[in-house]
């Protein structure tokens, strides 16, 4: 692998390659590595640098029409996303979280993943436009390969709860291969091991796809850098792997041959934007209740192949209940709530000179000396002079013996916090709806490319799903002998009114997979209908999104596409198939 940044020496150059991949996130990196190991010459174009920076972050503007009636939504989005994504802000990215830089969104993610279930692929009569043109069984071997790539445990903890239509579900955390105290970051953990035949170009923004109408092929990628360099890449095949927003945007702006953009003869590019919607249903307070729920629905450590793996326990709507109640797929997890007198927050206020009550903050620090000591221990563990085998032994032991503590310190950057309760967090898939979409805006970015507007709203079925979660949780806790949860008033009411949920930055659906170009943008091989050599990878091809954090699923589908591309290398030029409906 070679990694270079575009410079003035490259200006006006032409690069020829067998395969060009647009986007250096986990999906693009995985496809590049798999194809290069099959002998394919790969050029991977990443708009950002090795790490996020402010200049490239400015390219991520998204104008949004999410809700005009919820003044608190921006604050809730900031509270949810801002802690993990330091360069992000809710005004610039009014919908979603986009990260430019090698590794993509894994630079700021929590490492949390889960597999999709059978119902996520099924045609559900109560969910219009649901159903995948391929079944889960076709992806099974790729789920296994993606699990190994993420370093996950092959088995999950046993079913621990089943009451009132809510069953145990588990998320697993992909741990870093190089930093024992962090989750996996693909730019750091994976990119360094890429196959030698991969050439990575940084600061390489694709501004337009050049489409040849005679061959129905993308024959040129127009690339530019923020420093003013421009060049052309001439690929035999192209994979768009730039995320749910940018994949659609590039197809739409590449409209010099097709007025509506490449693959958009049926006005489907950018439509069916789906995400996960998140909202707090209420809280659990009281030390006894917190401890009881933390034991049942907290974090679990499980050993495999000499390493400890961490799972988070939640509750999901059973498939039969979804069918009976006509809901979407959804789940609940429990998140720690920090105390007002948390000692680390008090210490930070004093050190920054922002304390409005110094005596109160000093008292909080004194009372929380145990938390301070734990934090110092965590920072000592992060000391670079400590041998990796020692760190691995300590962290593995901690995951086995105290997984809740380890999870808290992963989330807090090694600074344990005083808690007052557990937030009851709901996460639901959103229904595929053609009016939820990505559109081009009039405003332009630094390259003169039109920015995007995101239309993303939830409706009655999402509200019904969230209310069903709340009702079932109340009933399930009573049946299990737990203290009643303190649900928000809107969650207890009989109508469907509720605050607008937060978008969870899992942007999907905008180039959805289908059996016919009348219903989607890509075919079952992820090739754009009406084209000969253009493919799309990542969540934008998902017809539906389930409730699971989707990176595991992204990678499974990416590895399937990589195998298809590698097989095509030996079959000569790819042929256009099933194209006639695209021109009806």
Protein backbone atom coordinates (compact mmCIF):
# COMPACT_ATOMS: atom_id res chain seq x y z
CA UNK A 1 0.00 0.00 0.00
CA UNK A 2 1.10 3.53 -0.77
CA UNK A 3 -0.51 6.60 0.75
CA UNK A 4 0.07 10.01 -0.83
CA UNK A 5 -1.59 13.39 -0.71
CA UNK A 6 -2.40 15.19 -3.93
CA UNK A 7 0.09 17.96 -4.58
CA UNK A 8 0.91 20.48 -7.27
CA UNK A 9 3.09 17.87 -8.97
CA UNK A 10 -0.06 15.84 -9.72
CA UNK A 11 -1.97 18.67 -11.40
CA UNK A 12 -3.23 17.72 -14.84
CA UNK A 13 -2.16 14.09 -14.47
CA UNK A 14 -4.18 11.09 -15.60
CA UNK A 15 -4.20 7.88 -13.58
CA UNK A 16 -5.39 4.62 -15.07
CA UNK A 17 -6.53 1.79 -12.83
CA UNK A 18 -8.56 -1.38 -12.90
CA UNK A 19 -10.68 -0.36 -9.91
CA UNK A 20 -11.30 3.08 -8.40
CA UNK A 21 -12.98 3.30 -4.99
CA UNK A 22 -14.43 6.62 -3.85
CA UNK A 23 -14.34 6.85 -0.07
CA UNK A 24 -11.81 5.65 2.52
CA UNK A 25 -14.17 4.55 5.26
CA UNK A 26 -14.43 0.94 6.49
CA UNK A 27 -16.42 -0.14 3.42
CA UNK A 28 -14.00 1.34 0.89
CA UNK A 29 -10.97 0.03 2.76
CA UNK A 30 -12.41 -3.49 3.03
CA UNK A 31 -13.23 -3.67 -0.69
CA UNK A 32 -9.83 -2.25 -1.64
CA UNK A 33 -7.97 -4.81 0.45
CA UNK A 34 -10.01 -7.81 -0.72
CA UNK A 35 -9.73 -6.89 -4.42
CA UNK A 36 -6.02 -6.02 -4.23
CA UNK A 37 -5.27 -9.40 -2.69
CA UNK A 38 -6.87 -10.91 -5.79
CA UNK A 39 -4.33 -9.09 -7.98
CA UNK A 40 -6.49 -6.10 -8.94
CA UNK A 41 -4.85 -2.68 -9.17
CA UNK A 42 -6.82 -0.37 -6.86
CA UNK A 43 -6.83 3.40 -6.45
CA UNK A 44 -8.73 4.56 -3.36
CA UNK A 45 -9.73 8.23 -3.33
CA UNK A 46 -10.30 9.78 0.10
CA UNK A 47 -11.58 13.36 0.24
CA UNK A 48 -9.99 14.01 3.65
CA UNK A 49 -6.59 13.38 5.18
CA UNK A 50 -5.30 10.65 7.47
CA UNK A 51 -7.28 12.28 10.28
CA UNK A 52 -10.15 14.74 10.40
CA UNK A 53 -9.31 18.42 9.98
CA UNK A 54 -11.36 21.59 10.03
CA UNK A 55 -10.87 22.46 6.34
CA UNK A 56 -12.28 19.19 5.08
CA UNK A 57 -14.96 19.12 7.76
CA UNK A 58 -16.32 22.32 6.19
CA UNK A 59 -17.22 20.24 3.09
CA UNK A 60 -19.75 18.25 5.13
CA UNK A 61 -22.52 20.87 5.28
CA UNK A 62 -26.01 19.42 5.18
CA UNK A 63 -29.10 21.61 5.08
CA UNK A 64 -31.94 19.77 6.76
CA UNK A 65 -35.69 19.73 6.94
CA UNK A 66 -36.14 17.47 9.93
CA UNK A 67 -38.57 19.39 12.09
CA UNK A 68 -39.75 22.95 12.20
CA UNK A 69 -41.53 22.50 15.53
CA UNK A 70 -38.94 21.24 18.00
CA UNK A 71 -36.69 23.95 19.41
CA UNK A 72 -34.84 21.44 21.61
CA UNK A 73 -33.86 19.10 18.77
CA UNK A 74 -30.57 20.88 18.00
CA UNK A 75 -29.54 20.68 21.66
CA UNK A 76 -30.43 16.99 21.85
CA UNK A 77 -28.51 16.26 18.66
CA UNK A 78 -25.51 18.12 20.06
CA UNK A 79 -25.68 16.20 23.33
CA UNK A 80 -25.88 12.90 21.47
CA UNK A 81 -23.27 13.40 18.73
CA UNK A 82 -21.04 16.19 19.97
CA UNK A 83 -19.14 14.26 22.61
CA UNK A 84 -17.75 11.71 20.16
CA UNK A 85 -17.34 13.94 17.08
CA UNK A 86 -15.36 17.03 18.17
CA UNK A 87 -15.31 18.76 14.75
CA UNK A 88 -19.02 18.19 14.12
CA UNK A 89 -21.67 20.74 14.94
CA UNK A 90 -25.42 20.61 14.64
CA UNK A 91 -25.69 23.80 12.59
CA UNK A 92 -23.27 22.75 9.85
CA UNK A 93 -24.55 19.18 9.71
CA UNK A 94 -28.22 19.69 10.44
CA UNK A 95 -28.76 16.04 9.59
CA UNK A 96 -26.37 13.11 10.02
CA UNK A 97 -22.71 12.88 10.99
CA UNK A 98 -20.19 12.84 8.14
CA UNK A 99 -16.44 12.46 8.68
CA UNK A 100 -13.82 13.00 5.99
CA UNK A 101 -10.55 11.24 6.61
CA UNK A 102 -9.12 7.75 6.38
CA UNK A 103 -11.40 5.44 8.34
CA UNK A 104 -14.47 7.58 7.76
CA UNK A 105 -17.04 7.53 10.55
CA UNK A 106 -15.00 5.06 12.59
CA UNK A 107 -12.88 8.05 13.61
CA UNK A 108 -15.75 9.05 15.89
CA UNK A 109 -17.97 5.98 16.33
CA UNK A 110 -18.54 3.99 19.53
CA UNK A 111 -17.53 0.65 17.95
CA UNK A 112 -21.03 -0.73 18.55
CA UNK A 113 -22.35 -3.35 16.09
CA UNK A 114 -25.00 -6.05 15.83
CA UNK A 115 -26.20 -8.40 13.07
CA UNK A 116 -29.44 -8.00 11.14
CA UNK A 117 -32.22 -10.57 11.68
CA UNK A 118 -34.45 -12.41 9.22
CA UNK A 119 -37.30 -9.91 9.65
CA UNK A 120 -35.03 -7.09 8.46
CA UNK A 121 -34.83 -8.71 5.02
CA UNK A 122 -38.48 -9.79 4.82
CA UNK A 123 -41.31 -8.20 2.89
CA UNK A 124 -43.63 -6.91 5.64
CA UNK A 125 -47.16 -6.21 4.49
CA UNK A 126 -47.53 -3.43 7.07
CA UNK A 127 -44.32 -1.65 5.97
CA UNK A 128 -44.64 -0.31 2.39
CA UNK A 129 -41.54 -0.75 0.20
CA UNK A 130 -39.96 -3.18 2.65
CA UNK A 131 -38.20 -6.39 1.63
CA UNK A 132 -34.77 -7.09 0.18
CA UNK A 133 -34.23 -8.77 -3.22
CA UNK A 134 -31.73 -11.07 -1.48
CA UNK A 135 -32.18 -13.11 1.70
CA UNK A 136 -30.10 -13.15 4.85
CA UNK A 137 -28.85 -16.64 4.03
CA UNK A 138 -27.01 -15.28 0.99
CA UNK A 139 -24.99 -13.02 3.27
CA UNK A 140 -24.21 -15.57 5.99
CA UNK A 141 -20.62 -16.32 4.92
CA UNK A 142 -19.92 -12.60 4.59
CA UNK A 143 -21.34 -11.90 8.05
CA UNK A 144 -18.75 -14.37 9.35
CA UNK A 145 -15.94 -12.74 7.37
CA UNK A 146 -16.97 -9.25 8.51
CA UNK A 147 -17.09 -10.48 12.11
CA UNK A 148 -13.49 -11.64 11.83
CA UNK A 149 -12.47 -8.34 10.24
CA UNK A 150 -14.02 -6.49 13.20
CA UNK A 151 -12.40 -8.88 15.69
CA UNK A 152 -15.75 -9.89 17.18
CA UNK A 153 -16.72 -12.92 19.24
CA UNK A 154 -18.59 -15.58 17.17
CA UNK A 155 -21.07 -16.38 19.97
CA UNK A 156 -23.15 -13.99 22.03
CA UNK A 157 -24.48 -14.36 25.58
CA UNK A 158 -27.57 -16.50 26.10
CA UNK A 159 -31.11 -15.11 26.13
CA UNK A 160 -31.48 -13.52 29.57
CA UNK A 161 -34.87 -11.82 29.36
CA UNK A 162 -38.15 -12.54 27.60
CA UNK A 163 -41.28 -10.85 28.86
CA UNK A 164 -44.29 -9.24 27.20
CA UNK A 165 -42.89 -9.42 23.66
CA UNK A 166 -39.47 -7.98 24.60
CA UNK A 167 -36.51 -10.30 24.16
CA UNK A 168 -32.81 -9.99 24.92
CA UNK A 169 -30.71 -8.50 22.14
CA UNK A 170 -26.99 -7.78 22.17
CA UNK A 171 -24.64 -5.26 20.68
CA UNK A 172 -20.95 -6.06 20.54
CA UNK A 173 -18.03 -3.62 20.56
CA UNK A 174 -15.24 -3.84 17.99
CA UNK A 175 -12.04 -3.32 19.97
CA UNK A 176 -8.92 -1.75 18.51
CA UNK A 177 -6.11 -4.01 17.35
CA UNK A 178 -3.46 -1.45 18.30
CA UNK A 179 -4.84 0.60 21.22
CA UNK A 180 -6.04 -1.64 24.04
CA UNK A 181 -8.09 1.20 25.50
CA UNK A 182 -10.02 2.17 22.38
CA UNK A 183 -12.52 0.80 19.88
CA UNK A 184 -11.47 -0.07 16.35
CA UNK A 185 -10.56 2.87 14.11
CA UNK A 186 -10.22 1.65 10.53
CA UNK A 187 -7.82 4.39 9.50
CA UNK A 188 -5.41 3.39 12.24
CA UNK A 189 -6.14 -0.33 12.73
CA UNK A 190 -6.89 -1.54 9.21
CA UNK A 191 -5.42 0.84 6.63
CA UNK A 192 -1.85 0.13 7.70
CA UNK A 193 -2.24 -3.53 6.69
CA UNK A 194 -3.75 -2.91 3.25
CA UNK A 195 -2.48 -5.05 0.38
CA UNK A 196 0.51 -3.63 -1.58
CA UNK A 197 -1.54 -3.13 -4.78
CA UNK A 198 -3.68 -0.43 -3.12
CA UNK A 199 -2.77 3.19 -3.84
CA UNK A 200 -4.49 5.64 -1.46
CA UNK A 201 -4.81 9.29 -2.50
CA UNK A 202 -5.69 11.73 0.30
CA UNK A 203 -7.19 15.21 -0.14
CA UNK A 204 -8.73 13.73 -3.30
CA UNK A 205 -12.33 14.86 -3.65
CA UNK A 206 -14.24 13.44 -6.61
CA UNK A 207 -16.23 16.34 -8.00
CA UNK A 208 -17.95 14.55 -10.88
CA UNK A 209 -18.28 11.16 -12.56
CA UNK A 210 -17.67 11.29 -16.31
CA UNK A 211 -20.23 9.04 -18.00
CA UNK A 212 -19.93 7.76 -21.60
CA UNK A 213 -23.41 7.32 -23.11
CA UNK A 214 -22.25 4.84 -25.76
CA UNK A 215 -20.66 2.31 -23.43
CA UNK A 216 -22.93 3.19 -20.49
CA UNK A 217 -19.76 3.34 -18.39
CA UNK A 218 -18.05 5.77 -16.08
CA UNK A 219 -14.82 6.48 -17.95
CA UNK A 220 -13.41 9.38 -15.91
CA UNK A 221 -13.37 10.58 -12.32
CA UNK A 222 -12.68 14.29 -11.96
CA UNK A 223 -10.65 14.78 -8.78
CA UNK A 224 -9.58 17.94 -6.97
CA UNK A 225 -7.83 18.90 -3.74
CA UNK A 226 -8.39 21.87 -1.45
CA UNK A 227 -4.90 23.08 -2.38
CA UNK A 228 -5.98 23.52 -6.02
CA UNK A 229 -4.62 20.33 -7.61
CA UNK A 230 -6.81 18.53 -10.12
CA UNK A 231 -6.41 15.29 -12.03
CA UNK A 232 -8.42 12.62 -13.82
CA UNK A 233 -8.68 8.95 -12.91
CA UNK A 234 -9.64 6.60 -15.73
CA UNK A 235 -10.95 3.37 -14.21
CA UNK A 236 -12.22 0.13 -15.64
CA UNK A 237 -14.66 -0.18 -12.74
CA UNK A 238 -15.82 2.23 -10.04
CA UNK A 239 -17.21 1.71 -6.54
CA UNK A 240 -18.98 4.54 -4.75
CA UNK A 241 -18.32 4.01 -1.03
CA UNK A 242 -18.69 7.56 0.28
CA UNK A 243 -21.71 7.12 2.55
CA UNK A 244 -25.48 7.46 2.34
CA UNK A 245 -25.42 11.18 1.59
CA UNK A 246 -22.37 11.53 -0.65
CA UNK A 247 -23.12 8.47 -2.81
CA UNK A 248 -26.46 9.99 -3.84
CA UNK A 249 -24.97 13.45 -4.20
CA UNK A 250 -22.26 12.31 -6.63
CA UNK A 251 -24.79 10.52 -8.82
CA UNK A 252 -27.05 13.59 -8.85
CA UNK A 253 -24.33 16.15 -9.68
CA UNK A 254 -22.94 13.97 -12.49
CA UNK A 255 -25.69 15.09 -14.86
CA UNK A 256 -23.92 16.19 -18.02
CA UNK A 257 -25.25 13.14 -19.93
CA UNK A 258 -28.35 12.17 -17.93
CA UNK A 259 -30.13 15.38 -16.87
CA UNK A 260 -31.30 13.89 -13.58
CA UNK A 261 -27.94 12.33 -12.80
CA UNK A 262 -26.48 8.88 -13.34
CA UNK A 263 -28.89 6.04 -12.56
CA UNK A 264 -31.75 8.44 -11.94
CA UNK A 265 -34.11 7.94 -14.88
CA UNK A 266 -36.89 6.97 -12.46
CA UNK A 267 -36.14 9.74 -9.95
CA UNK A 268 -35.07 7.30 -7.24
CA UNK A 269 -31.53 8.47 -6.49
CA UNK A 270 -31.57 10.13 -3.08
CA UNK A 271 -35.07 8.90 -2.20
CA UNK A 272 -35.97 6.44 0.58
CA UNK A 273 -33.53 8.00 3.04
CA UNK A 274 -33.63 5.87 6.17
CA UNK A 275 -31.83 6.13 9.49
CA UNK A 276 -32.24 5.02 13.06
CA UNK A 277 -34.30 7.30 15.26
CA UNK A 278 -33.33 7.62 18.91
CA UNK A 279 -35.27 9.05 21.82
CA UNK A 280 -35.21 8.78 25.62
CA UNK A 281 -38.33 7.10 27.02
CA UNK A 282 -37.56 7.95 30.63
CA UNK A 283 -35.20 7.09 33.46
CA UNK A 284 -34.51 4.59 36.19
CA UNK A 285 -33.44 6.10 39.50
CA UNK A 286 -32.68 4.80 42.95
CA UNK A 287 -29.45 2.99 43.79
CA UNK A 288 -31.15 -0.40 44.24
CA UNK A 289 -32.96 -0.15 40.91
CA UNK A 290 -29.85 1.05 39.09
CA UNK A 291 -27.77 -1.83 40.43
CA UNK A 292 -30.46 -4.39 39.56
CA UNK A 293 -30.79 -3.17 35.98
CA UNK A 294 -27.03 -2.77 35.56
CA UNK A 295 -26.60 -6.44 36.46
CA UNK A 296 -29.33 -7.54 34.05
CA UNK A 297 -29.04 -5.08 31.18
CA UNK A 298 -25.50 -3.84 31.54
CA UNK A 299 -22.37 -5.07 29.81
CA UNK A 300 -21.11 -8.62 29.62
CA UNK A 301 -17.64 -9.93 29.01
CA UNK A 302 -17.13 -13.16 27.06
CA UNK A 303 -13.88 -14.93 26.22
CA UNK A 304 -12.90 -16.23 22.80
CA UNK A 305 -9.51 -17.14 21.33
CA UNK A 306 -7.59 -15.67 24.24
CA UNK A 307 -9.34 -12.30 24.18
CA UNK A 308 -12.22 -10.85 26.15
CA UNK A 309 -15.11 -9.41 24.16
CA UNK A 310 -17.67 -6.92 25.41
CA UNK A 311 -21.41 -7.10 24.86
CA UNK A 312 -24.19 -4.66 25.70
CA UNK A 313 -27.58 -6.18 26.66
CA UNK A 314 -30.80 -4.58 25.46
CA UNK A 315 -34.40 -5.49 24.72
CA UNK A 316 -35.89 -5.79 21.23
CA UNK A 317 -39.44 -6.16 19.98
CA UNK A 318 -40.05 -9.81 19.12
CA UNK A 319 -40.75 -10.37 15.39
CA UNK A 320 -44.19 -11.85 16.12
CA UNK A 321 -45.07 -8.78 18.19
CA UNK A 322 -43.95 -6.49 15.37
CA UNK A 323 -46.31 -8.32 13.04
CA UNK A 324 -49.20 -8.30 15.51
CA UNK A 325 -48.85 -4.63 16.47
CA UNK A 326 -47.79 -3.50 12.95
CA UNK A 327 -44.61 -1.85 14.20
CA UNK A 328 -41.08 -1.47 12.92
CA UNK A 329 -38.04 -3.24 14.36
CA UNK A 330 -36.84 -1.49 17.50
CA UNK A 331 -34.94 -1.95 20.74
CA UNK A 332 -34.16 -0.42 24.13
CA UNK A 333 -30.84 0.02 25.88
CA UNK A 334 -29.93 1.64 29.18
CA UNK A 335 -27.42 4.51 29.30
CA UNK A 336 -25.72 5.97 32.40
CA UNK A 337 -26.75 9.48 33.50
CA UNK A 338 -24.07 11.70 35.08
CA UNK A 339 -24.67 13.38 38.41
CA UNK A 340 -24.74 17.19 38.61
CA UNK A 341 -21.93 16.97 41.20
CA UNK A 342 -19.79 14.65 39.08
CA UNK A 343 -16.20 15.31 40.28
CA UNK A 344 -14.55 15.24 36.85
CA UNK A 345 -17.02 17.74 35.43
CA UNK A 346 -16.42 19.93 38.49
CA UNK A 347 -12.65 19.63 38.05
CA UNK A 348 -12.87 20.63 34.38
CA UNK A 349 -14.98 23.70 35.27
CA UNK A 350 -12.42 24.84 37.83
CA UNK A 351 -9.44 24.27 35.54
CA UNK A 352 -11.11 26.13 32.67
CA UNK A 353 -12.24 29.01 34.88
CA UNK A 354 -15.90 28.43 33.99
CA UNK A 355 -17.16 27.44 37.43
CA UNK A 356 -20.14 29.45 38.60
CA UNK A 357 -20.02 27.91 42.08
CA UNK A 358 -16.40 27.23 43.09
CA UNK A 359 -17.13 26.05 46.62
CA UNK A 360 -19.70 23.55 45.35
CA UNK A 361 -17.29 22.25 42.72
CA UNK A 362 -14.43 21.93 45.23
CA UNK A 363 -16.75 19.97 47.52
CA UNK A 364 -17.77 17.70 44.64
CA UNK A 365 -14.12 16.94 43.92
CA UNK A 366 -13.44 16.15 47.57
CA UNK A 367 -16.45 13.82 47.80
CA UNK A 368 -15.47 12.16 44.53
CA UNK A 369 -11.83 11.44 45.33
CA UNK A 370 -12.40 7.75 44.54
CA UNK A 371 -13.50 8.60 41.02
CA UNK A 372 -10.45 10.84 40.59
CA UNK A 373 -8.21 7.98 41.69
CA UNK A 374 -9.84 5.61 39.20
CA UNK A 375 -9.35 8.17 36.47
CA UNK A 376 -5.68 8.52 37.27
CA UNK A 377 -5.38 4.73 37.12
CA UNK A 378 -6.96 4.72 33.66
CA UNK A 379 -4.59 7.40 32.44
CA UNK A 380 -1.64 5.43 33.84
CA UNK A 381 -2.86 2.41 31.86
CA UNK A 382 -2.82 4.59 28.72
CA UNK A 383 0.86 5.51 29.29
CA UNK A 384 2.78 4.58 26.10
CA UNK A 385 5.66 3.13 28.12
CA UNK A 386 3.47 0.37 29.52
CA UNK A 387 4.03 -2.83 27.47
CA UNK A 388 1.12 -3.88 25.25
CA UNK A 389 1.00 -7.37 26.76
CA UNK A 390 0.47 -5.79 30.18
CA UNK A 391 -2.33 -3.56 28.88
CA UNK A 392 -3.97 -6.52 27.14
CA UNK A 393 -3.85 -8.61 30.32
CA UNK A 394 -5.30 -5.82 32.45
CA UNK A 395 -8.08 -4.87 30.00
CA UNK A 396 -9.08 -8.49 29.31
CA UNK A 397 -9.26 -9.17 33.04
CA UNK A 398 -11.30 -6.02 33.62
CA UNK A 399 -13.80 -6.95 30.88
CA UNK A 400 -14.28 -10.36 32.48
CA UNK A 401 -14.56 -9.07 36.04
CA UNK A 402 -16.16 -5.61 35.67
CA UNK A 403 -17.52 -5.07 32.13
CA UNK A 404 -19.81 -2.21 33.18
CA UNK A 405 -16.85 -0.25 34.53
CA UNK A 406 -14.82 -0.90 31.36
CA UNK A 407 -17.71 0.18 29.14
CA UNK A 408 -18.13 3.37 31.14
CA UNK A 409 -14.44 4.19 30.79
CA UNK A 410 -14.44 3.43 27.05
CA UNK A 411 -17.33 5.86 26.68
CA UNK A 412 -15.83 8.54 28.92
CA UNK A 413 -12.27 8.42 27.62
CA UNK A 414 -10.97 6.74 30.75
CA UNK A 415 -12.61 9.17 33.20
CA UNK A 416 -15.20 7.39 35.38
CA UNK A 417 -18.22 9.48 36.33
CA UNK A 418 -20.63 9.62 39.21
CA UNK A 419 -24.10 8.48 38.10
CA UNK A 420 -27.61 9.36 39.24
CA UNK A 421 -29.57 6.91 37.12
CA UNK A 422 -30.00 5.10 33.84
CA UNK A 423 -31.62 6.63 30.79
CA UNK A 424 -34.07 4.37 28.94
CA UNK A 425 -33.07 4.86 25.32
CA UNK A 426 -35.18 3.70 22.38
CA UNK A 427 -33.79 3.07 18.90
CA UNK A 428 -36.06 2.24 15.98
CA UNK A 429 -35.62 1.75 12.28
CA UNK A 430 -37.44 4.27 10.13
CA UNK A 431 -39.76 3.17 7.36
CA UNK A 432 -38.58 3.59 3.75
CA UNK A 433 -40.55 6.52 2.37
CA UNK A 434 -39.88 8.16 -1.01
CA UNK A 435 -40.37 11.68 0.40
CA UNK A 436 -37.52 11.22 2.84
CA UNK A 437 -34.64 12.04 0.56
CA UNK A 438 -31.38 13.77 -0.33
CA UNK A 439 -31.73 16.68 -2.78
CA UNK A 440 -29.22 19.09 -4.29
CA UNK A 441 -29.24 22.56 -2.76
CA UNK A 442 -28.44 25.87 -4.44
CA UNK A 443 -25.59 26.55 -2.02
CA UNK A 444 -22.18 25.33 -3.23
CA UNK A 445 -19.06 24.08 -1.47
CA UNK A 446 -15.39 25.06 -1.90
CA UNK A 447 -15.21 23.05 -5.15
CA UNK A 448 -18.32 24.69 -6.59
CA UNK A 449 -20.35 21.50 -6.14
CA UNK A 450 -23.95 21.88 -5.03
CA UNK A 451 -24.47 20.92 -1.41
CA UNK A 452 -27.36 18.79 -0.23
CA UNK A 453 -30.61 19.19 1.61
CA UNK A 454 -31.84 16.26 3.68
CA UNK A 455 -35.56 15.68 4.14
CA UNK A 456 -35.92 13.21 7.02
CA UNK A 457 -39.03 12.99 9.15
CA UNK A 458 -40.60 10.26 11.22
CA UNK A 459 -44.30 9.47 11.00
CA UNK A 460 -47.08 7.51 12.61
CA UNK A 461 -45.47 4.07 12.33
CA UNK A 462 -42.27 5.24 14.07
CA UNK A 463 -44.34 6.88 16.82
CA UNK A 464 -46.40 3.70 17.22
CA UNK A 465 -43.21 1.65 17.46
CA UNK A 466 -41.70 3.88 20.16
CA UNK A 467 -44.94 3.98 22.16
CA UNK A 468 -45.18 0.18 21.89
CA UNK A 469 -41.66 -0.12 23.31
CA UNK A 470 -42.65 2.05 26.28
CA UNK A 471 -45.88 0.18 26.95
CA UNK A 472 -44.24 -3.21 26.69
CA UNK A 473 -41.33 -2.18 28.91
CA UNK A 474 -43.71 -1.05 31.66
CA UNK A 475 -45.55 -4.37 31.43
CA UNK A 476 -42.38 -6.48 31.16
CA UNK A 477 -40.79 -4.87 34.23
CA UNK A 478 -43.91 -5.57 36.25
CA UNK A 479 -43.95 -9.21 35.13
CA UNK A 480 -40.26 -9.61 35.94
CA UNK A 481 -40.59 -8.05 39.39
CA UNK A 482 -38.53 -4.94 38.58
CA UNK A 483 -39.41 -1.49 39.86
CA UNK A 484 -41.62 0.45 37.45
CA UNK A 485 -39.61 2.64 35.05
CA UNK A 486 -40.09 6.38 35.30
CA UNK A 487 -41.39 6.99 31.79
CA UNK A 488 -41.81 10.46 30.32
CA UNK A 489 -45.39 11.68 30.24
CA UNK A 490 -45.58 11.61 26.43
CA UNK A 491 -44.44 7.95 26.49
CA UNK A 492 -47.33 7.03 28.80
CA UNK A 493 -50.03 8.87 26.85
CA UNK A 494 -52.38 7.03 24.55
CA UNK A 495 -51.90 9.25 21.49
CA UNK A 496 -48.95 9.19 19.08
CA UNK A 497 -47.66 12.69 19.84
CA UNK A 498 -44.03 12.77 20.97
CA UNK A 499 -40.90 14.94 20.65
CA UNK A 500 -38.93 14.53 17.46
CA UNK A 501 -36.27 11.82 17.82
CA UNK A 502 -32.59 12.33 17.07
CA UNK A 503 -31.15 10.98 13.82
CA UNK A 504 -28.48 8.45 14.83
CA UNK A 505 -26.14 9.11 11.87
CA UNK A 506 -26.73 5.76 10.16
CA UNK A 507 -27.67 7.25 6.80
CA UNK A 508 -28.99 4.55 4.46
CA UNK A 509 -31.37 3.80 1.60
CA UNK A 510 -30.59 6.57 -0.89
CA UNK A 511 -29.41 4.20 -3.67
CA UNK A 512 -31.53 1.23 -2.64
CA UNK A 513 -31.14 -2.30 -3.99
CA UNK A 514 -33.99 -3.77 -6.03
CA UNK A 515 -34.80 -6.44 -8.59
CA UNK A 516 -35.94 -3.82 -11.10
CA UNK A 517 -34.83 -0.25 -11.94
CA UNK A 518 -38.46 0.75 -11.43
CA UNK A 519 -38.00 0.13 -7.70
CA UNK A 520 -34.38 0.93 -6.95
CA UNK A 521 -31.03 2.30 -8.03
CA UNK A 522 -28.75 -0.77 -7.88
CA UNK A 523 -29.28 -4.43 -8.74
CA UNK A 524 -28.56 -7.42 -6.49
CA UNK A 525 -24.84 -7.14 -7.35
CA UNK A 526 -24.89 -3.46 -6.24
CA UNK A 527 -24.37 -2.28 -9.83
CA UNK A 528 -26.20 0.92 -10.79
CA UNK A 529 -29.01 0.14 -13.23
CA UNK A 530 -28.29 1.48 -16.69
CA UNK A 531 -24.52 1.36 -16.24
CA UNK A 532 -21.87 -1.17 -17.14
CA UNK A 533 -19.16 -0.56 -14.55
CA UNK A 534 -20.49 1.55 -11.67
CA UNK A 535 -21.18 -0.02 -8.28
CA UNK A 536 -22.35 1.35 -4.94
CA UNK A 537 -21.31 0.03 -1.53
CA UNK A 538 -22.41 0.76 2.01
CA UNK A 539 -25.70 1.53 3.68
CA UNK A 540 -27.08 3.60 0.80
CA UNK A 541 -28.04 0.33 -0.96
CA UNK A 542 -30.12 -0.93 2.00
CA UNK A 543 -33.87 -1.17 1.29
CA UNK A 544 -34.53 -1.22 5.06
CA UNK A 545 -32.27 -0.65 8.04
CA UNK A 546 -33.39 -2.80 10.99
CA UNK A 547 -32.60 -1.47 14.46
CA UNK A 548 -28.99 -2.73 14.68
CA UNK A 549 -26.00 -0.41 14.47
CA UNK A 550 -25.18 -1.31 10.87
CA UNK A 551 -21.39 -1.31 10.33
CA UNK A 552 -21.22 -5.12 10.57
CA UNK A 553 -23.89 -5.31 7.89
CA UNK A 554 -22.14 -2.65 5.78
CA UNK A 555 -18.97 -4.74 5.78
CA UNK A 556 -20.75 -8.01 5.01
CA UNK A 557 -22.33 -6.54 1.88
CA UNK A 558 -19.04 -4.86 0.96
CA UNK A 559 -17.14 -8.16 1.11
CA UNK A 560 -19.83 -9.78 -1.04
CA UNK A 561 -19.37 -7.00 -3.62
CA UNK A 562 -15.58 -7.39 -3.46
CA UNK A 563 -15.89 -11.08 -4.28
CA UNK A 564 -18.15 -10.23 -7.22
CA UNK A 565 -15.63 -7.70 -8.53
CA UNK A 566 -12.74 -10.12 -8.09
CA UNK A 567 -14.63 -12.83 -9.99
CA UNK A 568 -15.37 -10.35 -12.79
CA UNK A 569 -11.66 -9.73 -13.23
CA UNK A 570 -11.34 -13.14 -14.82
CA UNK A 571 -14.48 -12.88 -16.96
CA UNK A 572 -13.26 -10.18 -19.35
CA UNK A 573 -15.28 -6.99 -19.75
CA UNK A 574 -18.45 -6.92 -17.74
CA UNK A 575 -21.63 -6.96 -19.76
CA UNK A 576 -24.70 -4.81 -19.33
CA UNK A 577 -27.57 -7.00 -18.25
CA UNK A 578 -31.20 -6.40 -17.37
CA UNK A 579 -30.94 -2.85 -18.67
CA UNK A 580 -34.03 -2.51 -20.84
CA UNK A 581 -36.38 -1.59 -17.97
CA UNK A 582 -34.10 1.34 -17.08
CA UNK A 583 -35.13 3.14 -20.24
CA UNK A 584 -38.88 2.53 -20.07
